[in-house]
Amino acid sequence: MNTRVAISDLFSREEITELTAKSDLHGGWAVFSTWAVIGGTFAAVASSWQYLPAWGKLLMCIAALVILAGRQLALAIIMHDASHQSLFKTKWLNDTFTDWLCARPIWNDLHKYRAHHMRHHSKTSTVDDPDLSLVAGFPTSKKSLMRKFMRDLTGVTGFKFAVGRVLMDIEKMEWTVSNDRRWISQEGKHWTDYPKAFLKNSGGAIATNAALFSALWAAGHPKLYALWVVAYLTPFPLFLRVRSMAEHAGMETSHSALTNTRTTKAGFLARALVAPINVNYHKEHHLMAAVPYFKLPKVHQMLRERGHVAEPPSYWQVLNQLSSQTD
């Protein structure tokens, strides 16, 4: 099916009204539970550090980095849902509260992301899709995929992202979350314009990260902030890559979310690391982006029962499929 799907052909008007009803309670739970895990992770490291041998400290740090990166992705997904105005019923909670508690701590901007992401939804899988570069080149070989994963885990991808974000925030490069790079003319700019632009665009990220550092300092463990930074530069890019691959890589070029987007089965580990906040129900999300995260499983169940979608693959199956080419 290559034509765009009419939601009215899949659901009744009453069903659409029920499925798109938003909830401040569920939105608040998504934010609170994510930060509770982040706080609990820092607390676990702080409380057990002095009792652990060297190898135990190393394992604790690795576990903390993985958990924190998974929750950083959760913050990104919460921002994503807020960009669709589907996270909270109350506009201030959706736009301002989420921007400061979820987008800014991971060096993002809800309003810039919204403008970018709406183009992705309207142009999914076409040459005009701004996120196309995130999933280009698949399927590939297992060696090529492992090289990509190693660049993520060794911080190469994270470092490049950080440099790119600085260039965007000093307004030398257009803002994006994809791999595309579009330079902005610097004609007529004075050197003082760059730090001014950086403070204007990165001020929220600086303020929220300063608040996180201050909280850890007040708790007597300022060094733990390094875990937040290292998680952001290493496992976080890997989890982002897997999430992007699962959603659109290797899918058909079409105007139908039933064929250009993939839903993936997520167990506990996948939900903790690469599929938080029901983001694995991505086909359902693209079919009806106004559906809040806690109702996406119901949309999937209804589509399955009506024969519109098949049983989804697991993340391992998707990764195997997308790395099936021989060198």
Protein backbone atom coordinates (compact mmCIF):
# COMPACT_ATOMS: atom_id res chain seq x y z
CA MET A 1 0.00 0.00 0.00
CA ASN A 2 1.83 3.10 -1.28
CA THR A 3 -0.91 5.70 -0.84
CA ARG A 4 -1.41 7.62 2.38
CA VAL A 5 -3.77 5.85 4.78
CA ALA A 6 -6.92 7.62 5.94
CA ILE A 7 -7.32 7.11 9.68
CA SER A 8 -11.10 7.12 9.21
CA ASP A 9 -10.68 3.90 7.20
CA LEU A 10 -9.04 2.22 10.20
CA PHE A 11 -10.95 3.62 13.18
CA SER A 12 -14.37 5.07 13.87
CA ARG A 13 -14.81 8.69 14.92
CA GLU A 14 -15.58 7.57 18.47
CA GLU A 15 -12.46 5.41 18.60
CA ILE A 16 -10.28 8.26 17.33
CA THR A 17 -11.68 10.59 20.00
CA GLU A 18 -10.99 8.04 22.73
CA LEU A 19 -7.53 7.09 21.48
CA THR A 20 -6.30 10.68 21.18
CA ALA A 21 -7.48 11.83 24.64
CA LYS A 22 -4.46 13.19 26.55
CA SER A 23 -3.70 12.95 30.25
CA ASP A 24 -1.67 15.22 32.53
CA LEU A 25 -1.38 12.33 34.98
CA HIS A 26 0.24 9.98 32.46
CA GLY A 27 2.47 12.77 31.13
CA GLY A 28 3.60 13.60 34.64
CA TRP A 29 4.32 9.94 35.35
CA ALA A 30 6.55 9.68 32.27
CA VAL A 31 8.64 12.64 33.43
CA PHE A 32 8.67 11.74 37.14
CA SER A 33 9.51 8.05 36.66
CA THR A 34 12.36 8.88 34.27
CA TRP A 35 13.96 11.31 36.69
CA ALA A 36 13.32 8.92 39.58
CA VAL A 37 15.44 6.28 37.84
CA ILE A 38 18.14 8.87 37.13
CA GLY A 39 18.17 9.96 40.77
CA GLY A 40 18.08 6.37 41.98
CA THR A 41 21.06 5.49 39.79
CA PHE A 42 23.16 8.32 41.21
CA ALA A 43 22.07 7.36 44.73
CA ALA A 44 22.99 3.69 44.20
CA VAL A 45 26.49 4.59 43.00
CA ALA A 46 27.03 7.08 45.83
CA SER A 47 25.81 4.78 48.59
CA SER A 48 27.77 1.69 47.52
CA TRP A 49 31.00 3.22 46.20
CA GLN A 50 33.06 3.02 49.39
CA TYR A 51 32.20 -0.65 49.93
CA LEU A 52 33.16 -1.89 46.46
CA PRO A 53 36.53 -3.28 45.32
CA ALA A 54 38.11 -1.80 42.20
CA TRP A 55 36.47 -4.29 39.84
CA GLY A 56 33.11 -3.70 41.55
CA LYS A 57 33.46 0.04 41.04
CA LEU A 58 34.17 -0.52 37.35
CA LEU A 59 31.08 -2.72 36.94
CA MET A 60 28.99 -0.20 38.88
CA CYS A 61 30.13 2.62 36.59
CA ILE A 62 29.37 0.61 33.44
CA ALA A 63 25.90 -0.26 34.75
CA ALA A 64 25.27 3.36 35.70
CA LEU A 65 26.33 4.60 32.25
CA VAL A 66 23.99 2.15 30.55
CA ILE A 67 21.04 3.05 32.79
CA LEU A 68 21.63 6.80 32.54
CA ALA A 69 21.94 6.63 28.73
CA GLY A 70 18.68 4.72 28.58
CA ARG A 71 16.99 7.44 30.63
CA GLN A 72 18.57 10.16 28.50
CA LEU A 73 16.88 8.49 25.56
CA ALA A 74 13.65 8.42 27.59
CA LEU A 75 13.96 12.20 28.05
CA ALA A 76 14.40 12.52 24.28
CA ILE A 77 11.27 10.42 23.65
CA ILE A 78 9.27 12.47 26.15
CA MET A 79 10.40 15.58 24.26
CA HIS A 80 9.36 13.86 21.04
CA ASP A 81 5.87 13.18 22.38
CA ALA A 82 5.57 16.76 23.62
CA SER A 83 6.49 17.97 20.14
CA HIS A 84 3.26 16.33 18.98
CA GLN A 85 1.30 17.99 21.80
CA SER A 86 0.33 14.50 22.97
CA LEU A 87 2.21 14.24 26.27
CA PHE A 88 0.16 16.57 28.48
CA LYS A 89 -3.37 17.90 28.20
CA THR A 90 -2.21 21.24 29.66
CA LYS A 91 -0.26 23.29 27.10
CA TRP A 92 2.20 24.83 29.61
CA LEU A 93 3.13 21.38 30.92
CA ASN A 94 3.51 20.09 27.38
CA ASP A 95 5.61 22.96 26.02
CA THR A 96 7.47 24.66 28.88
CA PHE A 97 7.67 22.08 31.66
CA THR A 98 8.80 19.34 29.25
CA ASP A 99 11.23 21.61 27.46
CA TRP A 100 13.06 22.48 30.70
CA LEU A 101 12.89 19.12 32.45
CA CYS A 102 13.47 16.84 29.44
CA ALA A 103 14.83 18.62 26.35
CA ARG A 104 17.28 21.08 27.89
CA PRO A 105 19.11 18.59 30.15
CA ILE A 106 20.08 16.58 27.05
CA TRP A 107 21.15 19.69 25.09
CA ASN A 108 18.03 19.91 22.99
CA ASP A 109 15.24 22.37 22.31
CA LEU A 110 11.60 21.27 22.15
CA HIS A 111 10.46 24.06 19.86
CA LYS A 112 13.30 23.65 17.35
CA TYR A 113 12.83 19.90 17.46
CA ARG A 114 9.09 20.26 16.80
CA ALA A 115 9.63 22.24 13.59
CA HIS A 116 12.20 19.69 12.39
CA HIS A 117 10.16 16.66 13.38
CA MET A 118 6.93 17.79 11.72
CA ARG A 119 8.77 17.77 8.40
CA HIS A 120 9.84 14.20 9.09
CA HIS A 121 6.23 13.14 9.58
CA SER A 122 4.95 14.89 6.48
CA LYS A 123 7.81 13.64 4.26
CA THR A 124 8.62 10.25 5.80
CA SER A 125 10.95 8.10 3.65
CA THR A 126 10.98 10.60 0.75
CA VAL A 127 13.99 12.60 -0.45
CA ASP A 128 12.61 15.54 1.54
CA ASP A 129 12.59 13.64 4.84
CA PRO A 130 15.02 15.58 7.11
CA ASP A 131 15.81 12.37 9.03
CA LEU A 132 16.60 10.29 5.96
CA SER A 133 20.36 10.41 6.59
CA LEU A 134 19.86 8.67 9.96
CA VAL A 135 18.72 5.47 8.26
CA ALA A 136 20.50 5.64 4.89
CA GLY A 137 22.76 2.79 3.80
CA PHE A 138 20.76 -0.13 5.19
CA PRO A 139 20.85 -3.07 4.90
CA THR A 140 24.61 -3.22 5.44
CA SER A 141 27.09 -5.85 6.55
CA LYS A 142 27.59 -6.99 10.13
CA LYS A 143 31.16 -5.66 10.06
CA SER A 144 29.95 -2.25 8.95
CA LEU A 145 27.27 -2.21 11.65
CA MET A 146 29.82 -3.19 14.30
CA ARG A 147 32.08 -0.35 13.17
CA LYS A 148 29.19 2.06 13.63
CA PHE A 149 28.48 0.65 17.09
CA MET A 150 32.14 0.93 18.07
CA ARG A 151 32.23 4.59 17.00
CA ASP A 152 29.25 5.14 19.28
CA LEU A 153 30.68 3.29 22.28
CA THR A 154 34.14 4.89 22.01
CA GLY A 155 32.69 8.40 21.99
CA VAL A 156 33.53 9.26 18.37
CA THR A 157 29.86 9.75 17.44
CA GLY A 158 29.15 11.64 20.65
CA PHE A 159 32.11 13.96 20.14
CA LYS A 160 31.04 14.72 16.56
CA PHE A 161 27.51 15.39 17.79
CA ALA A 162 28.78 17.77 20.48
CA VAL A 163 30.89 19.69 17.95
CA GLY A 164 27.91 19.85 15.62
CA ARG A 165 25.65 21.13 18.38
CA VAL A 166 28.15 23.90 19.22
CA LEU A 167 28.26 24.90 15.54
CA MET A 168 24.46 24.97 15.46
CA ASP A 169 24.20 26.97 18.67
CA ILE A 170 26.69 29.60 17.52
CA GLU A 171 24.57 29.70 14.34
CA LYS A 172 27.21 28.62 11.87
CA MET A 173 25.13 25.59 10.91
CA GLU A 174 21.39 25.05 10.54
CA TRP A 175 19.72 23.25 13.45
CA THR A 176 19.02 19.55 12.91
CA VAL A 177 18.97 16.19 14.67
CA SER A 178 19.98 14.34 11.50
CA ASN A 179 23.40 13.77 9.98
CA ASP A 180 22.92 16.51 7.37
CA ARG A 181 25.12 19.59 7.55
CA ARG A 182 23.91 22.89 6.07
CA TRP A 183 26.10 25.92 6.64
CA ILE A 184 24.77 29.41 7.32
CA SER A 185 26.34 32.44 5.66
CA GLN A 186 28.55 34.33 8.12
CA GLU A 187 28.72 37.52 6.09
CA GLY A 188 28.56 40.60 8.28
CA LYS A 189 29.01 38.75 11.57
CA HIS A 190 31.34 39.97 14.29
CA TRP A 191 33.25 37.55 16.53
CA THR A 192 31.17 38.68 19.51
CA ASP A 193 28.04 37.38 17.78
CA TYR A 194 29.18 33.78 18.32
CA PRO A 195 29.32 33.71 22.14
CA LYS A 196 26.06 35.70 22.25
CA ALA A 197 24.36 33.14 19.99
CA PHE A 198 25.80 30.27 22.01
CA LEU A 199 24.45 31.64 25.30
CA LYS A 200 21.07 32.31 23.70
CA ASN A 201 20.76 28.83 22.22
CA SER A 202 22.64 26.74 24.81
CA GLY A 203 21.68 28.72 27.89
CA GLY A 204 18.91 26.29 28.81
CA ALA A 205 21.21 23.29 28.55
CA ILE A 206 23.88 25.06 30.62
CA ALA A 207 21.35 26.07 33.29
CA THR A 208 19.71 22.66 33.64
CA ASN A 209 23.02 20.81 33.70
CA ALA A 210 24.34 23.30 36.25
CA ALA A 211 21.26 22.50 38.35
CA LEU A 212 21.96 18.77 38.07
CA PHE A 213 25.61 19.29 39.01
CA SER A 214 24.57 21.51 41.93
CA ALA A 215 22.17 18.85 43.22
CA LEU A 216 24.94 16.25 43.14
CA TRP A 217 27.31 18.73 44.81
CA ALA A 218 24.78 19.42 47.55
CA ALA A 219 24.45 15.67 48.08
CA GLY A 220 28.22 15.47 48.52
CA HIS A 221 28.99 13.68 45.24
CA PRO A 222 29.79 16.27 42.52
CA LYS A 223 32.08 13.83 40.69
CA LEU A 224 29.05 11.71 39.78
CA TYR A 225 28.11 14.35 37.21
CA ALA A 226 30.86 12.87 35.03
CA LEU A 227 28.68 9.77 34.62
CA TRP A 228 25.95 11.93 33.05
CA VAL A 229 28.40 13.42 30.54
CA VAL A 230 30.10 10.11 29.65
CA ALA A 231 26.71 8.37 29.26
CA TYR A 232 25.65 11.14 26.88
CA LEU A 233 28.79 10.73 24.76
CA THR A 234 28.97 6.91 24.64
CA PRO A 235 25.97 4.57 25.16
CA PHE A 236 23.41 7.29 24.37
CA PRO A 237 24.44 7.64 20.68
CA LEU A 238 24.33 3.84 20.34
CA PHE A 239 20.81 3.66 21.77
CA LEU A 240 19.73 6.51 19.50
CA ARG A 241 21.14 4.69 16.48
CA VAL A 242 19.34 1.43 17.27
CA ARG A 243 16.10 3.29 17.87
CA SER A 244 16.36 5.12 14.51
CA MET A 245 17.28 1.94 12.64
CA ALA A 246 14.32 0.05 14.05
CA GLU A 247 11.85 2.79 13.13
CA HIS A 248 12.58 3.38 9.45
CA ALA A 249 15.76 1.70 8.15
CA GLY A 250 15.21 -0.75 5.30
CA MET A 251 11.52 0.15 4.91
CA GLU A 252 9.72 0.92 1.67
CA THR A 253 9.69 4.38 0.14
CA SER A 254 5.99 5.15 0.24
CA HIS A 255 3.37 7.55 1.56
CA SER A 256 1.87 4.95 3.89
CA ALA A 257 2.93 4.51 7.50
CA LEU A 258 1.89 0.88 7.13
CA THR A 259 4.86 0.31 4.82
CA ASN A 260 7.41 3.09 5.50
CA THR A 261 7.53 2.69 9.29
CA ARG A 262 8.27 -0.28 11.54
CA THR A 263 6.85 -1.32 14.90
CA THR A 264 9.22 -3.48 16.93
CA LYS A 265 8.57 -5.93 19.75
CA ALA A 266 10.28 -4.73 22.92
CA GLY A 267 11.07 -6.81 25.98
CA PHE A 268 12.23 -5.42 29.33
CA LEU A 269 15.83 -4.79 28.22
CA ALA A 270 14.76 -3.06 25.00
CA ARG A 271 12.28 -0.86 26.88
CA ALA A 272 14.99 0.10 29.36
CA LEU A 273 17.58 0.99 26.73
CA VAL A 274 16.28 1.64 23.21
CA ALA A 275 12.47 1.68 23.40
CA PRO A 276 11.32 3.80 26.35
CA ILE A 277 7.86 5.38 26.58
CA ASN A 278 6.36 2.92 24.04
CA VAL A 279 8.39 4.44 21.18
CA ASN A 280 8.67 0.96 19.65
CA TYR A 281 5.02 1.31 18.52
CA HIS A 282 6.24 3.57 15.76
CA LYS A 283 3.96 2.46 12.95
CA GLU A 284 0.99 3.29 15.16
CA HIS A 285 2.55 6.64 16.06
CA HIS A 286 3.00 7.59 12.40
CA LEU A 287 -0.53 6.53 11.56
CA MET A 288 -1.97 8.77 14.29
CA ALA A 289 0.62 11.03 15.92
CA ALA A 290 -1.91 12.58 18.29
CA VAL A 291 -2.23 9.32 20.25
CA PRO A 292 -0.47 9.63 23.65
CA TYR A 293 2.23 7.10 24.47
CA PHE A 294 0.16 5.06 26.95
CA LYS A 295 -2.50 4.28 24.32
CA LEU A 296 -0.16 3.15 21.54
CA PRO A 297 -0.28 -0.53 22.66
CA LYS A 298 -4.07 -0.41 22.37
CA VAL A 299 -3.83 1.05 18.85
CA HIS A 300 -1.47 -1.78 17.94
CA GLN A 301 -3.81 -4.39 19.37
CA MET A 302 -6.76 -2.97 17.42
CA LEU A 303 -4.77 -2.91 14.18
CA ARG A 304 -3.64 -6.51 14.75
CA GLU A 305 -7.20 -7.66 15.41
CA ARG A 306 -8.40 -5.97 12.22
CA GLY A 307 -5.63 -7.46 10.09
CA HIS A 308 -3.87 -4.19 9.22
CA VAL A 309 -0.51 -5.07 10.78
CA ALA A 310 1.40 -8.31 11.35
CA GLU A 311 3.25 -9.46 14.45
CA PRO A 312 6.26 -7.14 14.82
CA PRO A 313 9.87 -8.37 14.81
CA SER A 314 12.13 -8.09 17.84
CA TYR A 315 15.03 -5.65 17.95
CA TRP A 316 17.48 -8.53 17.45
CA GLN A 317 15.58 -9.64 14.35
CA VAL A 318 15.64 -6.09 12.97
CA LEU A 319 19.37 -5.75 13.60
CA ASN A 320 20.01 -9.10 11.90
CA GLN A 321 17.88 -8.08 8.94
CA LEU A 322 19.61 -4.72 8.58
CA SER A 323 23.09 -6.28 8.74
CA SER A 324 22.40 -9.15 6.34
CA GLN A 325 24.57 -8.03 3.44
CA THR A 326 27.90 -9.73 2.79
CA ASP A 327 31.12 -7.73 2.49
